C-alpha cells in the first residue's frame, strides 16, 4: 500500500514539474513601482539637528517624563478607578496627567524642536504609558474578580 501511494505521489510530482516548463511561454513583465513624492518639512528658516540638544535640555526632558510617569502611577492607584472598566479608567488616568506631559512639549518648543518631532515623541510616550497602565489595571481587575485581596 505504501509503495503504491509513493508511486502515485512521485508521478504527480513529476507531472507538476513538467507542466511548469511547458506552460510558461510568455516572460514575466518586470514590476515597476509608482514614483513616490518626497515630503519635505519646511521649517522656519533653519533646519533642526537632533544632536544640537544640550545635556541640560535632555536632562529636563527626562525629568519631565519622570514626573509624568509618577503622575500616571499615583493617579492609577486611586480607589475610584477600581469601580469602573479598566479601559475607561486608563483613559481617565491619562487625561488627568495630560498637563504634566505638556511640560515636555514646552521644553522641546523652547529648544526649537519641530512640532512634528515633538508630537511623535509625545504620542510614543503617551502610548507606552497607556499600555503599561492598562495592563496593570486589567491585572488588578482580574485579581479582584478571582478573589485576591490588594
N, C-alpha and C. Protein backbone atom coordinates (compact mmCIF):
# COMPACT_ATOMS: atom_id res chain seq x y z
N UNK A 1 0.83 -1.19 0.00
CA UNK A 1 0.00 0.00 0.00
C UNK A 1 0.87 1.26 0.00
N UNK A 2 1.93 1.24 0.80
CA UNK A 2 2.81 2.39 0.87
C UNK A 2 3.54 2.60 -0.45
N UNK A 3 3.89 1.48 -1.12
CA UNK A 3 4.59 1.59 -2.40
C UNK A 3 3.70 2.25 -3.44
N UNK A 4 2.42 1.88 -3.48
CA UNK A 4 1.50 2.46 -4.45
C UNK A 4 1.29 3.96 -4.19
N UNK A 5 1.15 4.31 -2.93
CA UNK A 5 0.97 5.71 -2.57
C UNK A 5 2.21 6.52 -2.94
N UNK A 6 3.37 5.99 -2.67
CA UNK A 6 4.62 6.65 -3.02
C UNK A 6 4.73 6.80 -4.53
N UNK A 7 4.37 5.76 -5.27
CA UNK A 7 4.42 5.80 -6.73
C UNK A 7 3.48 6.87 -7.29
N UNK A 8 2.29 6.97 -6.75
CA UNK A 8 1.31 7.95 -7.23
C UNK A 8 1.79 9.37 -6.93
N UNK A 9 2.29 9.60 -5.74
CA UNK A 9 2.78 10.94 -5.38
C UNK A 9 3.97 11.34 -6.24
N UNK A 10 4.86 10.40 -6.51
CA UNK A 10 6.02 10.68 -7.36
C UNK A 10 5.58 11.02 -8.77
N UNK A 11 4.63 10.28 -9.30
CA UNK A 11 4.13 10.54 -10.66
C UNK A 11 3.47 11.91 -10.73
N UNK A 12 2.69 12.27 -9.73
CA UNK A 12 2.05 13.58 -9.72
C UNK A 12 3.07 14.70 -9.59
N UNK A 13 4.10 14.49 -8.82
CA UNK A 13 5.14 15.49 -8.65
C UNK A 13 5.89 15.70 -9.95
N UNK A 14 6.24 14.62 -10.64
CA UNK A 14 6.94 14.75 -11.92
C UNK A 14 6.07 15.44 -12.96
N UNK A 15 4.79 15.12 -12.96
CA UNK A 15 3.89 15.75 -13.91
C UNK A 15 3.74 17.24 -13.61
N UNK A 16 3.67 17.60 -12.34
CA UNK A 16 3.54 19.00 -11.97
C UNK A 16 4.79 19.78 -12.35
N UNK A 17 5.95 19.18 -12.17
CA UNK A 17 7.20 19.84 -12.54
C UNK A 17 7.32 20.01 -14.05
N UNK A 18 6.89 19.04 -14.80
CA UNK A 18 7.00 19.12 -16.25
C UNK A 18 5.98 20.10 -16.82
N UNK A 19 4.83 20.30 -16.18
CA UNK A 19 3.82 21.24 -16.66
C UNK A 19 4.30 22.68 -16.53
N UNK A 20 5.08 22.98 -15.50
CA UNK A 20 5.55 24.35 -15.31
C UNK A 20 6.41 24.80 -16.48
N UNK A 21 7.25 23.93 -16.99
CA UNK A 21 8.14 24.30 -18.08
C UNK A 21 7.37 24.43 -19.39
N UNK A 22 6.35 23.63 -19.59
CA UNK A 22 5.61 23.63 -20.85
C UNK A 22 4.65 24.80 -20.95
N UNK A 23 4.09 25.26 -19.86
CA UNK A 23 3.07 26.31 -19.92
C UNK A 23 3.65 27.71 -19.84
N UNK A 24 4.88 27.86 -19.47
CA UNK A 24 5.47 29.19 -19.35
C UNK A 24 5.99 29.61 -20.72
N UNK A 25 5.18 30.34 -21.48
CA UNK A 25 5.58 30.77 -22.81
C UNK A 25 5.84 32.26 -22.86
N UNK A 26 5.22 33.03 -22.00
CA UNK A 26 5.43 34.47 -22.01
C UNK A 26 6.32 34.85 -20.84
N UNK A 27 7.30 35.70 -21.09
CA UNK A 27 8.17 36.12 -19.98
C UNK A 27 7.41 37.04 -19.04
N UNK A 28 7.77 36.97 -17.80
CA UNK A 28 7.12 37.80 -16.79
C UNK A 28 7.58 39.24 -16.96
N UNK A 29 6.63 40.16 -16.90
CA UNK A 29 6.95 41.57 -17.03
C UNK A 29 7.54 42.07 -15.71
N UNK A 30 8.57 42.89 -15.78
CA UNK A 30 9.15 43.40 -14.54
C UNK A 30 8.16 44.32 -13.82
N UNK A 31 8.17 44.24 -12.53
CA UNK A 31 7.27 45.06 -11.71
C UNK A 31 7.91 46.42 -11.50
N UNK A 32 7.16 47.44 -11.82
CA UNK A 32 7.67 48.79 -11.63
C UNK A 32 6.84 49.48 -10.57
N UNK A 33 7.54 50.13 -9.67
CA UNK A 33 6.86 50.85 -8.60
C UNK A 33 6.49 52.24 -9.08
N UNK A 34 5.39 52.71 -8.56
CA UNK A 34 4.97 54.06 -8.88
C UNK A 34 5.90 55.04 -8.17
N UNK A 35 6.24 56.13 -8.83
CA UNK A 35 7.12 57.10 -8.16
C UNK A 35 6.40 57.73 -6.98
N UNK A 36 7.13 57.88 -5.91
CA UNK A 36 6.56 58.46 -4.70
C UNK A 36 7.07 59.88 -4.54
N UNK A 37 6.16 60.73 -4.17
CA UNK A 37 6.54 62.12 -3.95
C UNK A 37 7.20 62.24 -2.59
N UNK A 38 8.34 62.85 -2.56
CA UNK A 38 9.05 63.04 -1.29
C UNK A 38 8.40 64.19 -0.53
N UNK A 39 8.15 63.96 0.73
CA UNK A 39 7.56 65.01 1.55
C UNK A 39 8.67 65.71 2.30
N UNK A 40 8.69 66.99 2.19
CA UNK A 40 9.70 67.78 2.88
C UNK A 40 9.01 68.64 3.93
N UNK A 41 9.63 68.69 5.06
CA UNK A 41 9.10 69.51 6.14
C UNK A 41 9.78 70.86 6.08
N UNK A 42 9.00 71.87 5.91
CA UNK A 42 9.54 73.22 5.85
C UNK A 42 9.62 73.79 7.25
N UNK A 43 10.80 74.18 7.62
CA UNK A 43 11.00 74.78 8.92
C UNK A 43 11.14 76.28 8.75
N UNK A 44 11.07 76.98 9.82
CA UNK A 44 11.11 78.43 9.77
C UNK A 44 12.56 78.91 9.61
N UNK A 45 13.09 78.82 8.39
CA UNK A 45 14.38 79.41 8.10
C UNK A 45 15.60 78.57 8.43
N UNK A 46 15.52 77.65 9.33
CA UNK A 46 16.70 76.86 9.68
C UNK A 46 16.30 75.40 9.87
N UNK A 47 17.26 74.54 9.72
CA UNK A 47 16.99 73.12 9.93
C UNK A 47 17.39 72.75 11.33
N UNK A 48 16.71 71.75 11.83
CA UNK A 48 16.97 71.31 13.19
C UNK A 48 17.76 70.04 13.15
N UNK A 49 18.77 69.95 13.98
CA UNK A 49 19.59 68.76 14.08
C UNK A 49 19.40 68.19 15.47
N UNK A 50 19.06 66.91 15.54
CA UNK A 50 18.76 66.29 16.83
C UNK A 50 19.92 66.31 17.80
N UNK A 51 21.13 66.36 17.29
CA UNK A 51 22.28 66.35 18.19
C UNK A 51 22.57 67.72 18.78
N UNK A 52 21.77 68.72 18.43
CA UNK A 52 22.01 70.05 18.97
C UNK A 52 21.37 70.27 20.33
N UNK A 53 20.63 69.30 20.83
CA UNK A 53 20.04 69.45 22.15
C UNK A 53 21.14 69.40 23.20
N UNK A 54 21.09 70.31 24.11
CA UNK A 54 22.10 70.34 25.16
C UNK A 54 21.82 69.26 26.19
N UNK A 55 22.83 68.97 26.98
CA UNK A 55 22.68 67.96 28.03
C UNK A 55 21.65 68.42 29.05
N UNK A 56 21.59 69.72 29.30
CA UNK A 56 20.62 70.25 30.26
C UNK A 56 19.19 70.05 29.74
N UNK A 57 18.99 70.24 28.44
CA UNK A 57 17.66 70.04 27.85
C UNK A 57 17.25 68.58 27.92
N UNK A 58 18.17 67.69 27.60
CA UNK A 58 17.87 66.26 27.66
C UNK A 58 17.53 65.86 29.08
N UNK A 59 18.28 66.39 30.04
CA UNK A 59 18.01 66.08 31.45
C UNK A 59 16.64 66.62 31.86
N UNK A 60 16.29 67.83 31.39
CA UNK A 60 15.00 68.42 31.72
C UNK A 60 13.86 67.59 31.13
N UNK A 61 14.03 67.11 29.90
CA UNK A 61 13.00 66.26 29.27
C UNK A 61 12.85 64.97 30.05
N UNK A 62 13.96 64.38 30.47
CA UNK A 62 13.90 63.14 31.25
C UNK A 62 13.20 63.37 32.58
N UNK A 63 13.47 64.51 33.23
CA UNK A 63 12.80 64.82 34.50
C UNK A 63 11.30 65.02 34.29
N UNK A 64 10.95 65.75 33.23
CA UNK A 64 9.53 65.99 32.95
C UNK A 64 8.81 64.67 32.63
N UNK A 65 9.48 63.80 31.91
CA UNK A 65 8.90 62.49 31.59
C UNK A 65 8.75 61.66 32.86
N UNK A 66 9.71 61.75 33.77
CA UNK A 66 9.63 61.04 35.04
C UNK A 66 8.45 61.56 35.86
N UNK A 67 8.26 62.88 35.89
CA UNK A 67 7.12 63.45 36.62
C UNK A 67 5.80 62.99 36.01
N UNK A 68 5.76 62.87 34.69
CA UNK A 68 4.56 62.37 34.02
C UNK A 68 4.27 60.93 34.43
N UNK A 69 5.30 60.10 34.45
CA UNK A 69 5.11 58.71 34.86
C UNK A 69 4.64 58.62 36.31
N UNK A 70 5.22 59.43 37.17
CA UNK A 70 4.81 59.43 38.58
C UNK A 70 3.36 59.88 38.72
N UNK A 71 2.97 60.88 37.94
CA UNK A 71 1.58 61.35 37.97
C UNK A 71 0.63 60.23 37.55
N UNK A 72 0.99 59.52 36.49
CA UNK A 72 0.14 58.44 35.99
C UNK A 72 0.04 57.33 37.03
N UNK A 73 1.17 56.95 37.61
CA UNK A 73 1.15 55.86 38.59
C UNK A 73 0.36 56.24 39.85
N UNK A 74 0.52 57.48 40.32
CA UNK A 74 -0.22 57.93 41.51
C UNK A 74 -1.71 58.00 41.21
N UNK A 75 -2.05 58.50 40.03
CA UNK A 75 -3.46 58.62 39.66
C UNK A 75 -4.10 57.24 39.52
N UNK A 76 -3.36 56.29 39.00
CA UNK A 76 -3.90 54.94 38.80
C UNK A 76 -4.13 54.22 40.13
N UNK A 77 -3.45 54.64 41.19
CA UNK A 77 -3.58 53.98 42.49
C UNK A 77 -4.85 54.41 43.23
N UNK A 78 -5.53 55.43 42.76
CA UNK A 78 -6.73 55.92 43.45
C UNK A 78 -7.83 54.86 43.41
N UNK A 79 -8.61 54.81 44.46
CA UNK A 79 -9.62 53.76 44.63
C UNK A 79 -10.80 53.90 43.67
N UNK A 80 -11.08 55.08 43.18
CA UNK A 80 -12.23 55.29 42.30
C UNK A 80 -12.13 54.54 40.99
N UNK A 81 -10.93 54.27 40.55
CA UNK A 81 -10.75 53.59 39.26
C UNK A 81 -11.01 52.10 39.35
N UNK A 82 -11.13 51.57 40.55
CA UNK A 82 -11.40 50.14 40.71
C UNK A 82 -12.85 49.79 40.40
N UNK A 83 -13.72 50.78 40.45
CA UNK A 83 -15.14 50.51 40.26
C UNK A 83 -15.58 50.59 38.80
N UNK A 84 -14.72 51.11 37.93
CA UNK A 84 -15.10 51.24 36.53
C UNK A 84 -14.24 50.31 35.66
N UNK A 85 -14.61 50.22 34.40
CA UNK A 85 -13.90 49.36 33.45
C UNK A 85 -12.45 49.81 33.34
N UNK A 86 -11.54 48.87 33.15
CA UNK A 86 -10.12 49.20 33.12
C UNK A 86 -9.75 50.09 31.93
N UNK A 87 -10.43 49.93 30.79
CA UNK A 87 -10.13 50.79 29.64
C UNK A 87 -10.59 52.22 29.89
N UNK A 88 -11.76 52.38 30.49
CA UNK A 88 -12.24 53.72 30.82
C UNK A 88 -11.36 54.35 31.90
N UNK A 89 -10.92 53.54 32.85
CA UNK A 89 -10.04 54.04 33.90
C UNK A 89 -8.71 54.49 33.32
N UNK A 90 -8.19 53.75 32.37
CA UNK A 90 -6.93 54.12 31.73
C UNK A 90 -7.07 55.45 31.01
N UNK A 91 -8.16 55.63 30.28
CA UNK A 91 -8.38 56.91 29.59
C UNK A 91 -8.46 58.06 30.58
N UNK A 92 -9.15 57.84 31.69
CA UNK A 92 -9.28 58.89 32.70
C UNK A 92 -7.94 59.23 33.33
N UNK A 93 -7.13 58.22 33.60
CA UNK A 93 -5.81 58.45 34.20
C UNK A 93 -4.93 59.25 33.26
N UNK A 94 -4.91 58.86 32.00
CA UNK A 94 -4.07 59.56 31.02
C UNK A 94 -4.53 61.01 30.84
N UNK A 95 -5.84 61.24 30.84
CA UNK A 95 -6.35 62.61 30.69
C UNK A 95 -6.03 63.46 31.90
N UNK A 96 -6.03 62.87 33.09
CA UNK A 96 -5.72 63.62 34.30
C UNK A 96 -4.27 64.13 34.30
N UNK A 97 -3.38 63.38 33.68
CA UNK A 97 -1.95 63.73 33.71
C UNK A 97 -1.48 64.39 32.43
N UNK A 98 -2.38 64.79 31.57
CA UNK A 98 -2.00 65.41 30.30
C UNK A 98 -1.28 66.74 30.52
N UNK A 99 -1.65 67.46 31.56
CA UNK A 99 -0.98 68.74 31.82
C UNK A 99 0.48 68.54 32.21
N UNK A 100 0.78 67.43 32.86
CA UNK A 100 2.16 67.13 33.21
C UNK A 100 2.97 66.81 31.96
N UNK A 101 2.35 66.13 31.02
CA UNK A 101 3.04 65.81 29.76
C UNK A 101 3.26 67.07 28.92
N UNK A 102 2.44 68.09 29.13
CA UNK A 102 2.61 69.34 28.39
C UNK A 102 3.92 70.03 28.75
N UNK A 103 4.48 69.73 29.91
CA UNK A 103 5.77 70.30 30.29
C UNK A 103 6.88 69.81 29.35
N UNK A 104 6.78 68.58 28.90
CA UNK A 104 7.76 68.05 27.95
C UNK A 104 7.67 68.83 26.64
N UNK A 105 6.45 69.09 26.19
CA UNK A 105 6.26 69.87 24.97
C UNK A 105 6.87 71.27 25.11
N UNK A 106 6.64 71.88 26.26
CA UNK A 106 7.16 73.22 26.48
C UNK A 106 8.69 73.23 26.43
N UNK A 107 9.31 72.21 27.00
CA UNK A 107 10.77 72.13 26.99
C UNK A 107 11.29 71.98 25.56
N UNK A 108 10.64 71.14 24.76
CA UNK A 108 11.07 70.96 23.37
C UNK A 108 10.85 72.23 22.55
N UNK A 109 9.72 72.90 22.76
CA UNK A 109 9.42 74.11 22.00
C UNK A 109 10.45 75.19 22.31
N UNK A 110 10.85 75.30 23.56
CA UNK A 110 11.86 76.29 23.94
C UNK A 110 13.20 76.03 23.26
N UNK A 111 13.48 74.79 22.91
CA UNK A 111 14.73 74.43 22.23
C UNK A 111 14.62 74.51 20.72
N UNK A 112 13.43 74.77 20.20
CA UNK A 112 13.26 74.91 18.75
C UNK A 112 13.09 73.61 18.01
N UNK A 113 12.65 72.58 18.69
CA UNK A 113 12.41 71.29 18.04
C UNK A 113 11.14 71.40 17.20
N UNK A 114 11.14 70.86 15.97
CA UNK A 114 9.93 70.94 15.12
C UNK A 114 8.75 70.23 15.77
N UNK A 115 7.57 70.75 15.51
CA UNK A 115 6.36 70.21 16.14
C UNK A 115 6.08 68.78 15.71
N UNK A 116 6.49 68.40 14.51
CA UNK A 116 6.27 67.02 14.05
C UNK A 116 7.02 66.05 14.95
N UNK A 117 8.24 66.39 15.28
CA UNK A 117 9.06 65.52 16.13
C UNK A 117 8.53 65.53 17.56
N UNK A 118 8.11 66.69 18.03
CA UNK A 118 7.55 66.78 19.38
C UNK A 118 6.30 65.91 19.49
N UNK A 119 5.41 66.04 18.50
CA UNK A 119 4.17 65.26 18.53
C UNK A 119 4.45 63.76 18.49
N UNK A 120 5.42 63.35 17.70
CA UNK A 120 5.77 61.93 17.61
C UNK A 120 6.31 61.42 18.95
N UNK A 121 7.16 62.21 19.59
CA UNK A 121 7.72 61.82 20.88
C UNK A 121 6.63 61.72 21.95
N UNK A 122 5.75 62.72 21.98
CA UNK A 122 4.68 62.73 22.98
C UNK A 122 3.69 61.59 22.74
N UNK A 123 3.40 61.30 21.48
CA UNK A 123 2.49 60.20 21.17
C UNK A 123 3.07 58.87 21.62
N UNK A 124 4.36 58.68 21.38
CA UNK A 124 5.02 57.44 21.80
C UNK A 124 5.03 57.33 23.32
N UNK A 125 5.34 58.42 24.00
CA UNK A 125 5.35 58.41 25.46
C UNK A 125 3.97 58.10 26.01
N UNK A 126 2.96 58.76 25.46
CA UNK A 126 1.58 58.55 25.89
C UNK A 126 1.13 57.11 25.63
N UNK A 127 1.47 56.58 24.47
CA UNK A 127 1.08 55.21 24.12
C UNK A 127 1.75 54.19 25.03
N UNK A 128 3.04 54.38 25.29
CA UNK A 128 3.75 53.45 26.17
C UNK A 128 3.14 53.44 27.57
N UNK A 129 2.84 54.62 28.10
CA UNK A 129 2.25 54.68 29.44
C UNK A 129 0.83 54.11 29.45
N UNK A 130 0.08 54.35 28.39
CA UNK A 130 -1.27 53.81 28.30
C UNK A 130 -1.24 52.29 28.34
N UNK A 131 -0.31 51.70 27.60
CA UNK A 131 -0.20 50.24 27.59
C UNK A 131 0.17 49.70 28.96
N UNK A 132 1.12 50.35 29.62
CA UNK A 132 1.55 49.87 30.94
C UNK A 132 0.42 49.98 31.96
N UNK A 133 -0.26 51.11 31.97
CA UNK A 133 -1.33 51.32 32.95
C UNK A 133 -2.51 50.41 32.65
N UNK A 134 -2.86 50.24 31.38
CA UNK A 134 -3.95 49.34 31.03
C UNK A 134 -3.64 47.92 31.46
N UNK A 135 -2.42 47.49 31.25
CA UNK A 135 -2.02 46.15 31.66
C UNK A 135 -2.13 45.99 33.18
N UNK A 136 -1.65 46.98 33.93
CA UNK A 136 -1.71 46.85 35.39
C UNK A 136 -3.14 46.93 35.90
N UNK A 137 -3.97 47.79 35.30
CA UNK A 137 -5.37 47.88 35.75
C UNK A 137 -6.15 46.61 35.39
N UNK A 138 -5.86 46.03 34.24
CA UNK A 138 -6.53 44.78 33.88
C UNK A 138 -6.09 43.64 34.79
N UNK A 139 -4.82 43.63 35.15
CA UNK A 139 -4.33 42.61 36.08
C UNK A 139 -5.00 42.77 37.44
N UNK A 140 -5.10 44.02 37.92
CA UNK A 140 -5.73 44.26 39.22
C UNK A 140 -7.21 43.86 39.19
N UNK A 141 -7.89 44.18 38.08
CA UNK A 141 -9.30 43.81 37.95
C UNK A 141 -9.47 42.30 37.93
N UNK A 142 -8.60 41.61 37.21
CA UNK A 142 -8.69 40.15 37.15
C UNK A 142 -8.39 39.52 38.51
N UNK A 143 -7.45 40.08 39.24
CA UNK A 143 -7.14 39.51 40.55
C UNK A 143 -8.27 39.77 41.54
N UNK A 144 -8.94 40.93 41.42
CA UNK A 144 -10.09 41.19 42.29
C UNK A 144 -11.22 40.21 41.99
N UNK A 145 -11.45 39.95 40.72
CA UNK A 145 -12.52 39.02 40.35
C UNK A 145 -12.20 37.60 40.76
N UNK A 146 -10.92 37.29 40.81
CA UNK A 146 -10.51 35.94 41.20
C UNK A 146 -10.54 35.76 42.71
N UNK A 147 -10.69 36.85 43.44
CA UNK A 147 -10.80 36.75 44.89
C UNK A 147 -9.55 37.15 45.64
N UNK A 148 -8.53 37.60 44.95
CA UNK A 148 -7.31 38.03 45.63
C UNK A 148 -7.54 39.41 46.24
N UNK A 149 -6.89 39.67 47.35
CA UNK A 149 -7.01 40.97 48.01
C UNK A 149 -5.79 41.80 47.68
N UNK A 150 -5.99 43.10 47.71
CA UNK A 150 -4.86 44.00 47.43
C UNK A 150 -4.56 44.84 48.64
